[in-house]
Every structure is written in C-alpha cells, then in structure tokens.
Amino acid sequence: MDAKVKSAEVNDGVLFLGIDGGGSKCRARLVSAGGDYLGSGLAGPANPVNGIEAAQESIIRAALLALQEAGYDDGAIDTVVAGVALAGVNIPLLWRAINDWAHPFRRMFLTTDLHAACLGAHRGGDGAVIVVGTGSCGYASVGSRSATLGAHGFQLGDKGGGAWIGLQAVQAALLADDALGGETALLDAIQAFYHCRVPELIERLGGARSCEFARLAPLVFDLAARGDAVADTILRDGAAYIDALALKLLDLKPPRLSMIGGVAASLLPRLRADIAAQICTPLEPPEAGSIHFARSEYARVTAAGDGKVLRA
C-alpha cells in the first residue's frame, strides 16, 4: 500500500466518500479522515427517478472505483462514511427508498444534489448555485434561509437543462418533418445521430429517459452556432429561464453565485450580461460538497454516541 493510502489510516480507519449522482452520471471522491485526496470513480446514471436499483448500483460502482484508485480492495467499503447527494431525492418516496437502503458503507448520509453542489461551490460556506446538467435547478443557503427552485424532474420541468434542450430539438424536428414548424437542420442532424428515419426515431425516443435526450444537446448548440434559427430559439428560451432562476436566487443576497453542470459552460454566454457577471467559478466540485456534508453529519452523530457502525 502506497504512502497516500497509509496517510488515510487514521481515526479508526474511517474514509470519507462524496457521491454526486445525476441523470447522466455518478461521480465519487474519496479522502482520508485528514482530508487528503485518495481517489475518484465515475459510473452511470444515479437519479432514482429513473430506477432505484440502477441508482444504487451506480453509487456502489463509483465508490468501488474510487477505492481501487486509492489502492484499497473492495472490502474497504465498510470503512467508508459516505455523503450521498442525488438528484430526485427531493421527492419523499425516493428519499425514503434510498435512505432506508441496506448499503455497504460504515455510515451513509443522504442529501440532495443541489445541497451538495452549493456546499462544494462555496467550500462549505453560504452561497447559491444553479445546476444546469441533464436537468436544471437552483439552490441558495444564506444564514438561516434556504431556497430550492426547480428540481421538478424531466417531465415536469428541468427547463434549460440538457434533456429539455434535446426534447425541444426532437419536437422541433418532427414539426419540421410534417411541414408544421420552421425549417431546421435539426431534423437531418438527429436522424444522422441515430442512423434512422423519423418512424424509427419515434420508436426509439418514445418514452426515452432524460439522459437519452440530453445526448442531443450538443447538436443544438452546434447548429445554433451555425445560424440555425430553430436551434437558436430553443437555447434563447432555455437561457431566459436560467436568467429568471438566477434573479430569484440573487434576491436572497448570497455572497457568491456559481453555475455548474454539463450544459453550464455552453449556456453561460447566452445569459444576460449583468447576471453572467455575477457568476463565480465553483471552488470545489459537488462530490467535494458531499464530503463536507458527510463530515459534519458524522461529527454530529459521533458526538451523540451513535456514529460508529450504524447505517442510516
């Protein structure tokens, strides 16, 4: 075992793991009790809206990859105190399903992906964050006040996110195919992406999950940059929503506002200039925010005398 792993063997062998699970991927970050970085892992989608078992499998896969990178075998997972932050657990049924899970960790503390993203973006301090990835949502924590905006899920919201952009593109393409919407290169681009014509496209995407539609978002940005009016309109509409969301968060006077997620960098230039000017670079990634959360919760329950081996 190398030096970096030896440095983790303190505090009864406890390791801290941060999980950030969304609609397209699950990231894990492993640190020692002293905060030294040890390893990371990347697995598939972990939004329980799209399947509780699949989310659990992604969490475990990402955690094991992080342990392996750090030089541990899989059995070390029972030394891990995990902060697990997931999209979708703002829904009470899904929260209970994940929180009651017979997980393999020494201890697990569950929170929303928004909470962890905000903790990471501001290194555990006050602030606000907009997440624009597969979905879209906003969160602010300032003193004793907090606010969550959006986080309604793909079918009911997520405007401006990758899945919403992809869905809008498919709908516009199908309207163009019927000569009921504006002419757009999206039709040919999406057919080429899937190597099929419209009837097969409908069969493939009817009932598809959010992560599938999110795969199409880069096509929309590319065609908008090339002057496609329909693609540009989709992105303008999405950016206007993110502008409005940012203004609501800024009403709480957060000391910092950050924007993260797979679509954030592409959408940022389309935001209002006065809003874009207030957006700060995140200090740490969401999975680091999950570690901040795990540390604070573990300290709390340990002080109460119930944090050694219990699972929650």
Protein backbone atom coordinates (compact mmCIF):
# COMPACT_ATOMS: atom_id res chain seq x y z
CA MET A 1 0.00 0.00 0.00
CA ASP A 2 1.46 3.34 -1.00
CA ALA A 3 2.06 6.46 1.09
CA LYS A 4 -1.14 8.22 0.13
CA VAL A 5 -3.20 5.28 1.41
CA LYS A 6 -1.18 5.00 4.60
CA SER A 7 -1.99 8.64 5.30
CA ALA A 8 -5.67 7.73 5.32
CA GLU A 9 -5.30 5.16 8.08
CA VAL A 10 -6.28 7.42 10.94
CA ASN A 11 -9.41 7.94 13.01
CA ASP A 12 -10.11 4.18 13.27
CA GLY A 13 -9.58 3.71 9.56
CA VAL A 14 -12.52 5.91 8.54
CA LEU A 15 -12.51 7.16 4.97
CA PHE A 16 -14.86 9.84 3.67
CA LEU A 17 -16.60 9.45 0.34
CA GLY A 18 -18.56 12.07 -1.56
CA ILE A 19 -21.12 10.98 -4.15
CA ASP A 20 -22.73 13.26 -6.73
CA GLY A 21 -25.40 11.35 -8.64
CA GLY A 22 -27.39 12.83 -11.51
CA GLY A 23 -29.35 11.81 -14.56
CA SER A 24 -26.32 11.02 -16.72
CA LYS A 25 -23.51 10.02 -14.37
CA CYS A 26 -22.40 9.35 -10.82
CA ARG A 27 -19.10 10.77 -9.51
CA ALA A 28 -17.31 9.66 -6.35
CA ARG A 29 -14.45 11.30 -4.47
CA LEU A 30 -12.55 9.58 -1.67
CA VAL A 31 -10.50 11.37 1.00
CA SER A 32 -8.77 10.40 4.22
CA ALA A 33 -10.02 11.43 7.63
CA GLY A 34 -7.44 14.22 7.40
CA GLY A 35 -8.84 15.44 4.08
CA ASP A 36 -6.12 14.09 1.76
CA TYR A 37 -7.39 13.21 -1.70
CA LEU A 38 -7.16 9.47 -2.35
CA GLY A 39 -9.14 8.58 -5.46
CA SER A 40 -12.21 9.07 -7.60
CA GLY A 41 -14.68 7.00 -9.59
CA LEU A 42 -17.21 7.53 -12.35
CA ALA A 43 -20.26 5.36 -13.01
CA GLY A 44 -23.59 5.58 -14.84
CA PRO A 45 -26.83 7.46 -14.07
CA ALA A 46 -27.83 7.69 -10.41
CA ASN A 47 -31.10 9.59 -10.40
CA PRO A 48 -33.54 7.27 -8.59
CA VAL A 49 -36.39 8.72 -10.65
CA ASN A 50 -35.06 6.53 -13.45
CA GLY A 51 -34.73 3.43 -11.27
CA ILE A 52 -33.80 2.97 -7.63
CA GLU A 53 -31.76 -0.19 -8.13
CA ALA A 54 -29.86 1.34 -11.04
CA ALA A 55 -29.03 4.37 -8.88
CA GLN A 56 -27.80 2.15 -6.05
CA GLU A 57 -25.65 0.14 -8.46
CA SER A 58 -24.07 3.32 -9.84
CA ILE A 59 -23.30 4.58 -6.34
CA ILE A 60 -21.57 1.33 -5.40
CA ARG A 61 -19.72 1.15 -8.72
CA ALA A 62 -18.38 4.69 -8.37
CA ALA A 63 -17.40 4.08 -4.74
CA LEU A 64 -15.51 0.87 -5.58
CA LEU A 65 -13.66 2.58 -8.42
CA ALA A 66 -12.58 5.35 -6.05
CA LEU A 67 -11.36 2.77 -3.53
CA GLN A 68 -9.49 0.87 -6.23
CA GLU A 69 -7.77 4.03 -7.45
CA ALA A 70 -6.70 4.67 -3.86
CA GLY A 71 -5.18 1.20 -3.61
CA TYR A 72 -7.82 -0.46 -1.45
CA ASP A 73 -9.66 -3.70 -2.15
CA ASP A 74 -13.46 -3.79 -2.33
CA GLY A 75 -13.77 -4.91 1.28
CA ALA A 76 -12.66 -1.48 2.46
CA ILE A 77 -16.08 -0.13 1.55
CA ASP A 78 -17.27 -0.89 5.07
CA THR A 79 -14.80 1.68 6.44
CA VAL A 80 -16.37 4.42 4.34
CA VAL A 81 -18.53 7.26 5.67
CA ALA A 82 -20.44 8.36 2.60
CA GLY A 83 -22.15 11.62 1.83
CA VAL A 84 -24.57 10.68 -0.93
CA ALA A 85 -26.09 13.54 -2.91
CA LEU A 86 -28.61 12.60 -5.57
CA ALA A 87 -30.97 14.26 -7.99
CA GLY A 88 -34.57 13.24 -7.39
CA VAL A 89 -34.43 12.65 -3.63
CA ASN A 90 -36.38 15.85 -3.03
CA ILE A 91 -39.33 13.51 -3.75
CA PRO A 92 -40.25 11.93 -0.37
CA LEU A 93 -40.85 8.43 -1.76
CA LEU A 94 -37.42 8.34 -3.39
CA TRP A 95 -35.75 9.84 -0.32
CA ARG A 96 -37.14 7.02 1.82
CA ALA A 97 -36.16 4.36 -0.71
CA ILE A 98 -32.52 5.48 -0.76
CA ASN A 99 -32.25 6.42 2.91
CA ASP A 100 -33.61 3.00 4.00
CA TRP A 101 -31.28 1.14 1.65
CA ALA A 102 -29.16 -1.64 3.20
CA HIS A 103 -25.99 -0.05 1.84
CA PRO A 104 -22.49 -1.47 2.42
CA PHE A 105 -20.98 1.71 3.88
CA ARG A 106 -19.98 2.21 7.51
CA ARG A 107 -22.37 5.14 7.54
CA MET A 108 -24.36 6.95 4.86
CA PHE A 109 -25.80 10.47 4.96
CA LEU A 110 -28.24 11.42 2.22
CA THR A 111 -28.91 14.86 0.78
CA THR A 112 -29.92 16.45 -2.50
CA ASP A 113 -27.51 17.08 -5.35
CA LEU A 114 -28.35 20.78 -5.04
CA HIS A 115 -27.30 20.98 -1.40
CA ALA A 116 -24.00 19.25 -2.12
CA ALA A 117 -23.38 21.37 -5.21
CA CYS A 118 -23.83 24.52 -3.14
CA LEU A 119 -21.53 23.26 -0.37
CA GLY A 120 -18.88 22.38 -2.91
CA ALA A 121 -19.17 25.55 -4.96
CA HIS A 122 -18.62 27.70 -1.87
CA ARG A 123 -16.36 25.32 0.11
CA GLY A 124 -18.98 24.76 2.78
CA GLY A 125 -19.94 28.43 3.11
CA ASP A 126 -23.06 30.41 2.25
CA GLY A 127 -23.95 30.94 -1.38
CA ALA A 128 -26.17 29.97 -4.26
CA VAL A 129 -25.78 27.56 -7.12
CA ILE A 130 -27.51 26.87 -10.42
CA VAL A 131 -27.15 23.34 -11.76
CA VAL A 132 -27.60 23.02 -15.49
CA GLY A 133 -26.77 19.47 -16.48
CA THR A 134 -29.22 16.81 -17.61
CA GLY A 135 -31.80 18.82 -15.69
CA SER A 136 -31.87 22.31 -14.19
CA CYS A 137 -32.47 23.70 -10.73
CA GLY A 138 -31.26 26.29 -8.26
CA TYR A 139 -30.45 26.42 -4.57
CA ALA A 140 -29.39 29.10 -2.11
CA SER A 141 -28.29 28.93 1.52
CA VAL A 142 -27.75 32.26 3.26
CA GLY A 143 -27.64 32.29 7.03
CA SER A 144 -30.79 30.60 8.29
CA ARG A 145 -32.57 30.94 4.94
CA SER A 146 -32.55 28.49 2.08
CA ALA A 147 -34.48 28.16 -1.15
CA THR A 148 -34.83 25.48 -3.81
CA LEU A 149 -36.06 26.38 -7.28
CA GLY A 150 -36.98 23.88 -9.95
CA ALA A 151 -35.84 20.28 -9.33
CA HIS A 152 -39.22 19.10 -10.63
CA GLY A 153 -37.85 16.42 -12.93
CA PHE A 154 -37.69 15.92 -16.67
CA GLN A 155 -41.40 15.56 -17.41
CA LEU A 156 -42.46 18.47 -15.21
CA GLY A 157 -39.62 20.96 -15.53
CA ASP A 158 -35.83 21.00 -15.98
CA LYS A 159 -36.08 23.84 -18.47
CA GLY A 160 -32.72 24.88 -19.89
CA GLY A 161 -31.12 21.55 -18.98
CA GLY A 162 -29.65 19.13 -21.48
CA ALA A 163 -32.64 16.78 -21.52
CA TRP A 164 -35.08 19.66 -22.04
CA ILE A 165 -32.92 21.04 -24.87
CA GLY A 166 -32.79 17.61 -26.51
CA LEU A 167 -36.54 17.10 -26.19
CA GLN A 168 -37.27 20.52 -27.66
CA ALA A 169 -34.96 19.67 -30.55
CA VAL A 170 -36.75 16.40 -31.30
CA GLN A 171 -40.15 18.08 -31.14
CA ALA A 172 -38.97 20.85 -33.49
CA ALA A 173 -37.51 18.27 -35.87
CA LEU A 174 -40.76 16.33 -36.02
CA LEU A 175 -42.74 19.52 -36.63
CA ALA A 176 -40.36 20.37 -39.48
CA ASP A 177 -40.84 16.87 -40.92
CA ASP A 178 -44.58 17.49 -41.01
CA ALA A 179 -44.04 20.96 -42.51
CA LEU A 180 -45.80 22.41 -39.45
CA GLY A 181 -42.77 24.13 -37.94
CA GLY A 182 -39.82 26.19 -39.03
CA GLU A 183 -37.23 24.65 -41.31
CA THR A 184 -34.30 23.38 -39.33
CA ALA A 185 -31.19 21.29 -39.78
CA LEU A 186 -32.11 19.57 -36.51
CA LEU A 187 -34.19 17.05 -38.46
CA ASP A 188 -31.27 15.76 -40.52
CA ALA A 189 -28.83 16.04 -37.62
CA ILE A 190 -30.95 13.95 -35.24
CA GLN A 191 -31.67 11.34 -37.90
CA ALA A 192 -27.96 11.12 -38.65
CA PHE A 193 -27.17 10.86 -34.92
CA TYR A 194 -29.36 7.77 -34.59
CA HIS A 195 -28.79 6.45 -38.13
CA CYS A 196 -32.52 6.16 -38.73
CA ARG A 197 -35.50 7.90 -40.29
CA VAL A 198 -38.47 9.51 -38.49
CA PRO A 199 -40.60 6.36 -37.90
CA GLU A 200 -37.67 4.57 -36.23
CA LEU A 201 -36.77 7.77 -34.39
CA ILE A 202 -40.23 7.91 -32.83
CA GLU A 203 -39.93 4.27 -31.82
CA ARG A 204 -36.53 4.87 -30.27
CA LEU A 205 -37.31 8.05 -28.34
CA GLY A 206 -40.92 7.49 -27.32
CA GLY A 207 -40.65 7.09 -23.54
CA ALA A 208 -36.86 7.55 -23.52
CA ARG A 209 -35.19 8.68 -20.29
CA SER A 210 -33.83 12.13 -19.67
CA CYS A 211 -30.22 11.07 -20.17
CA GLU A 212 -31.02 9.94 -23.73
CA PHE A 213 -32.44 13.33 -24.70
CA ALA A 214 -29.50 15.07 -23.01
CA ARG A 215 -27.17 13.39 -25.54
CA LEU A 216 -28.71 15.62 -28.22
CA ALA A 217 -27.96 18.93 -26.50
CA PRO A 218 -24.51 19.38 -28.15
CA LEU A 219 -26.18 19.13 -31.58
CA VAL A 220 -28.44 22.03 -30.69
CA PHE A 221 -25.56 24.23 -29.55
CA ASP A 222 -23.59 23.34 -32.67
CA LEU A 223 -26.41 24.16 -35.08
CA ALA A 224 -27.31 27.36 -33.23
CA ALA A 225 -23.69 28.49 -33.63
CA ARG A 226 -24.03 27.80 -37.35
CA GLY A 227 -27.08 30.03 -37.61
CA ASP A 228 -29.99 27.58 -37.34
CA ALA A 229 -32.87 29.79 -36.19
CA VAL A 230 -34.90 27.00 -34.57
CA ALA A 231 -31.93 25.73 -32.56
CA ASP A 232 -31.11 29.29 -31.52
CA THR A 233 -34.68 29.88 -30.34
CA ILE A 234 -34.56 26.76 -28.15
CA LEU A 235 -31.39 27.98 -26.46
CA ARG A 236 -32.69 31.52 -26.07
CA ASP A 237 -35.78 30.17 -24.32
CA GLY A 238 -33.69 27.97 -22.02
CA ALA A 239 -31.28 30.80 -21.18
CA ALA A 240 -34.18 33.14 -20.37
CA TYR A 241 -35.43 30.62 -17.81
CA ILE A 242 -31.99 30.33 -16.21
CA ASP A 243 -31.81 34.15 -16.10
CA ALA A 244 -35.11 34.24 -14.20
CA LEU A 245 -33.96 31.50 -11.84
CA ALA A 246 -30.72 33.37 -11.13
CA LEU A 247 -32.58 36.58 -10.31
CA LYS A 248 -34.76 34.78 -7.77
CA LEU A 249 -31.68 33.32 -6.09
CA LEU A 250 -29.91 36.69 -6.08
CA ASP A 251 -32.89 38.15 -4.21
CA LEU A 252 -31.57 36.26 -1.16
CA LYS A 253 -28.28 38.23 -1.36
CA PRO A 254 -25.92 35.24 -1.44
CA PRO A 255 -22.24 36.19 -1.12
CA ARG A 256 -21.44 34.01 -4.16
CA LEU A 257 -23.38 32.51 -7.07
CA SER A 258 -21.98 29.68 -9.17
CA MET A 259 -23.30 27.68 -12.11
CA ILE A 260 -22.28 24.08 -12.68
CA GLY A 261 -23.27 21.09 -14.78
CA GLY A 262 -22.55 19.68 -18.21
CA VAL A 263 -24.52 22.40 -20.02
CA ALA A 264 -23.44 25.33 -17.83
CA ALA A 265 -20.36 26.42 -19.79
CA SER A 266 -22.22 26.34 -23.12
CA LEU A 267 -25.23 28.23 -21.80
CA LEU A 268 -23.34 30.86 -19.79
CA PRO A 269 -22.57 33.12 -22.82
CA ARG A 270 -26.30 33.22 -23.55
CA LEU A 271 -27.27 34.61 -20.15
CA ARG A 272 -27.91 38.29 -19.58
CA ALA A 273 -24.60 40.11 -19.23
CA ASP A 274 -25.44 41.54 -15.80
CA ILE A 275 -26.28 38.07 -14.49
CA ALA A 276 -23.29 36.34 -16.10
CA ALA A 277 -21.01 38.94 -14.47
CA GLN A 278 -22.15 37.80 -11.01
CA ILE A 279 -21.43 34.12 -11.56
CA CYS A 280 -18.29 32.91 -9.78
CA THR A 281 -16.17 29.87 -10.51
CA PRO A 282 -17.07 26.98 -8.16
CA LEU A 283 -14.39 26.46 -5.51
CA GLU A 284 -14.90 22.69 -5.39
CA PRO A 285 -16.99 20.09 -7.28
CA PRO A 286 -20.31 18.75 -5.92
CA GLU A 287 -18.75 15.48 -4.75
CA ALA A 288 -16.45 17.54 -2.52
CA GLY A 289 -19.58 19.23 -1.18
CA SER A 290 -20.92 15.76 -0.34
CA ILE A 291 -17.77 15.20 1.71
CA HIS A 292 -18.31 18.47 3.62
CA PHE A 293 -21.83 17.22 4.38
CA ALA A 294 -20.66 13.74 5.41
CA ARG A 295 -18.01 15.17 7.75
CA SER A 296 -20.43 17.49 9.51
CA GLU A 297 -23.12 14.82 9.88
CA TYR A 298 -20.66 12.17 11.06
CA ALA A 299 -19.26 14.56 13.65
CA ARG A 300 -22.80 15.27 14.84
CA VAL A 301 -23.84 11.64 15.27
CA THR A 302 -20.48 10.64 16.71
CA ALA A 303 -20.82 13.34 19.34
CA ALA A 304 -24.25 11.91 20.12
CA GLY A 305 -22.66 8.48 20.55
CA ASP A 306 -24.29 6.68 17.62
CA GLY A 307 -21.85 7.22 14.74
CA LYS A 308 -19.51 4.21 14.88
CA VAL A 309 -21.01 1.40 12.87
CA LEU A 310 -24.69 2.21 12.41
CA ARG A 311 -26.16 2.64 8.96
CA ALA A 312 -28.70 5.30 8.07
